[in-house]
Amino acid sequence: MKYVDSKNVENISQICKYEYKRTRKVFSESFKKHKVELIESGKLTTGSVAAQFDVSYTAVYQWVKNTVSSRHQIRS
């Protein structure tokens, strides 16, 4: 199986020919919390954060979900 780096691709059709593999990125909890605050305030969207930092929309959604969940645990 051949992987392709999206940064070296001239058009999307080249990516479609190969399986796209993302490298795993690790972000600190404070970084994620700050991005969630910006999303919740309406200054950023989940999609814009995902695109800007090259992570999946689902990953950013999980940051939001986990942050909201942890707030409820603290209040309980």
C-alpha atoms as a PDB file:
ATOM      1  CA  MET A   1       0.000   0.000   0.000  1.00  0.00           C
ATOM      2  CA  LYS A   2       1.377   3.383  -0.950  1.00  0.00           C
ATOM      3  CA  TYR A   3       0.865   6.525   1.131  1.00  0.00           C
ATOM      4  CA  VAL A   4       1.037  10.073  -0.124  1.00  0.00           C
ATOM      5  CA  ASP A   5       1.875  13.250   1.758  1.00  0.00           C
ATOM      6  CA  SER A   6      -0.893  15.778   1.082  1.00  0.00           C
ATOM      7  CA  LYS A   7       1.575  18.678   1.208  1.00  0.00           C
ATOM      8  CA  ASN A   8       3.331  17.353  -1.906  1.00  0.00           C
ATOM      9  CA  VAL A   9       0.167  16.773  -3.959  1.00  0.00           C
ATOM     10  CA  GLU A  10      -0.755  19.070  -6.817  1.00  0.00           C
ATOM     11  CA  ASN A  11      -4.415  18.093  -7.033  1.00  0.00           C
ATOM     12  CA  ILE A  12      -6.995  16.081  -5.109  1.00  0.00           C
ATOM     13  CA  SER A  13      -7.189  13.329  -7.731  1.00  0.00           C
ATOM     14  CA  GLN A  14      -3.673  12.246  -6.763  1.00  0.00           C
ATOM     15  CA  ILE A  15      -4.789  11.729  -3.151  1.00  0.00           C
ATOM     16  CA  CYS A  16      -7.795   9.678  -4.228  1.00  0.00           C
ATOM     17  CA  LYS A  17      -5.507   7.135  -5.897  1.00  0.00           C
ATOM     18  CA  TYR A  18      -3.756   6.338  -2.633  1.00  0.00           C
ATOM     19  CA  GLU A  19      -4.788   5.790   0.941  1.00  0.00           C
ATOM     20  CA  TYR A  20      -4.274   9.016   2.845  1.00  0.00           C
ATOM     21  CA  LYS A  21      -2.462   8.556   6.149  1.00  0.00           C
ATOM     22  CA  ARG A  22      -2.419  11.335   8.740  1.00  0.00           C
ATOM     23  CA  THR A  23       0.435  11.566  11.154  1.00  0.00           C
ATOM     24  CA  ARG A  24      -0.660  11.512  14.767  1.00  0.00           C
ATOM     25  CA  LYS A  25      -0.517  14.909  16.409  1.00  0.00           C
ATOM     26  CA  VAL A  26      -0.525  15.500  20.139  1.00  0.00           C
ATOM     27  CA  PHE A  27      -1.908  18.747  21.561  1.00  0.00           C
ATOM     28  CA  SER A  28      -1.761  19.822  25.190  1.00  0.00           C
ATOM     29  CA  GLU A  29      -4.940  19.985  27.234  1.00  0.00           C
ATOM     30  CA  SER A  30      -4.533  23.755  27.612  1.00  0.00           C
ATOM     31  CA  PHE A  31      -4.260  24.149  23.823  1.00  0.00           C
ATOM     32  CA  LYS A  32      -7.427  22.113  23.274  1.00  0.00           C
ATOM     33  CA  LYS A  33      -9.272  23.971  26.021  1.00  0.00           C
ATOM     34  CA  HIS A  34      -8.351  27.331  24.482  1.00  0.00           C
ATOM     35  CA  LYS A  35      -9.576  26.224  21.026  1.00  0.00           C
ATOM     36  CA  VAL A  36     -12.827  24.943  22.549  1.00  0.00           C
ATOM     37  CA  GLU A  37     -13.371  28.311  24.245  1.00  0.00           C
ATOM     38  CA  LEU A  38     -12.905  30.053  20.875  1.00  0.00           C
ATOM     39  CA  ILE A  39     -15.350  27.632  19.235  1.00  0.00           C
ATOM     40  CA  GLU A  40     -17.943  28.128  21.968  1.00  0.00           C
ATOM     41  CA  SER A  41     -17.610  31.917  21.756  1.00  0.00           C
ATOM     42  CA  GLY A  42     -18.249  31.785  18.018  1.00  0.00           C
ATOM     43  CA  LYS A  43     -14.826  33.147  17.051  1.00  0.00           C
ATOM     44  CA  LEU A  44     -13.834  29.867  15.376  1.00  0.00           C
ATOM     45  CA  THR A  45     -15.707  26.910  13.949  1.00  0.00           C
ATOM     46  CA  THR A  46     -14.920  23.268  14.512  1.00  0.00           C
ATOM     47  CA  GLY A  47     -14.132  22.934  10.824  1.00  0.00           C
ATOM     48  CA  SER A  48     -11.766  25.898  10.781  1.00  0.00           C
ATOM     49  CA  VAL A  49      -9.797  24.536  13.750  1.00  0.00           C
ATOM     50  CA  ALA A  50      -9.598  21.118  12.078  1.00  0.00           C
ATOM     51  CA  ALA A  51      -8.332  22.628   8.828  1.00  0.00           C
ATOM     52  CA  GLN A  52      -5.895  25.029  10.470  1.00  0.00           C
ATOM     53  CA  PHE A  53      -4.182  22.343  12.542  1.00  0.00           C
ATOM     54  CA  ASP A  54      -4.644  19.448  10.082  1.00  0.00           C
ATOM     55  CA  VAL A  55      -6.697  17.277  12.411  1.00  0.00           C
ATOM     56  CA  SER A  56     -10.016  15.611  11.707  1.00  0.00           C
ATOM     57  CA  TYR A  57     -13.310  17.351  12.381  1.00  0.00           C
ATOM     58  CA  THR A  58     -14.170  14.412  14.635  1.00  0.00           C
ATOM     59  CA  ALA A  59     -11.058  14.968  16.763  1.00  0.00           C
ATOM     60  CA  VAL A  60     -11.947  18.623  17.336  1.00  0.00           C
ATOM     61  CA  TYR A  61     -15.559  17.647  18.087  1.00  0.00           C
ATOM     62  CA  GLN A  62     -14.222  15.236  20.726  1.00  0.00           C
ATOM     63  CA  TRP A  63     -12.225  18.099  22.292  1.00  0.00           C
ATOM     64  CA  VAL A  64     -15.472  20.049  22.621  1.00  0.00           C
ATOM     65  CA  LYS A  65     -17.402  17.050  23.925  1.00  0.00           C
ATOM     66  CA  ASN A  66     -14.717  16.158  26.489  1.00  0.00           C
ATOM     67  CA  THR A  67     -14.381  19.751  27.702  1.00  0.00           C
ATOM     68  CA  VAL A  68     -18.124  20.108  28.207  1.00  0.00           C
ATOM     69  CA  SER A  69     -18.242  16.701  29.903  1.00  0.00           C
ATOM     70  CA  SER A  70     -15.445  17.620  32.312  1.00  0.00           C
ATOM     71  CA  ARG A  71     -17.229  20.869  33.237  1.00  0.00           C
ATOM     72  CA  HIS A  72     -20.315  18.912  34.239  1.00  0.00           C
ATOM     73  CA  GLN A  73     -18.241  16.537  36.373  1.00  0.00           C
ATOM     74  CA  ILE A  74     -16.667  19.456  38.224  1.00  0.00           C
ATOM     75  CA  ARG A  75     -20.050  21.047  38.999  1.00  0.00           C
ATOM     76  CA  SER A  76     -21.592  17.816  40.249  1.00  0.00           C
END
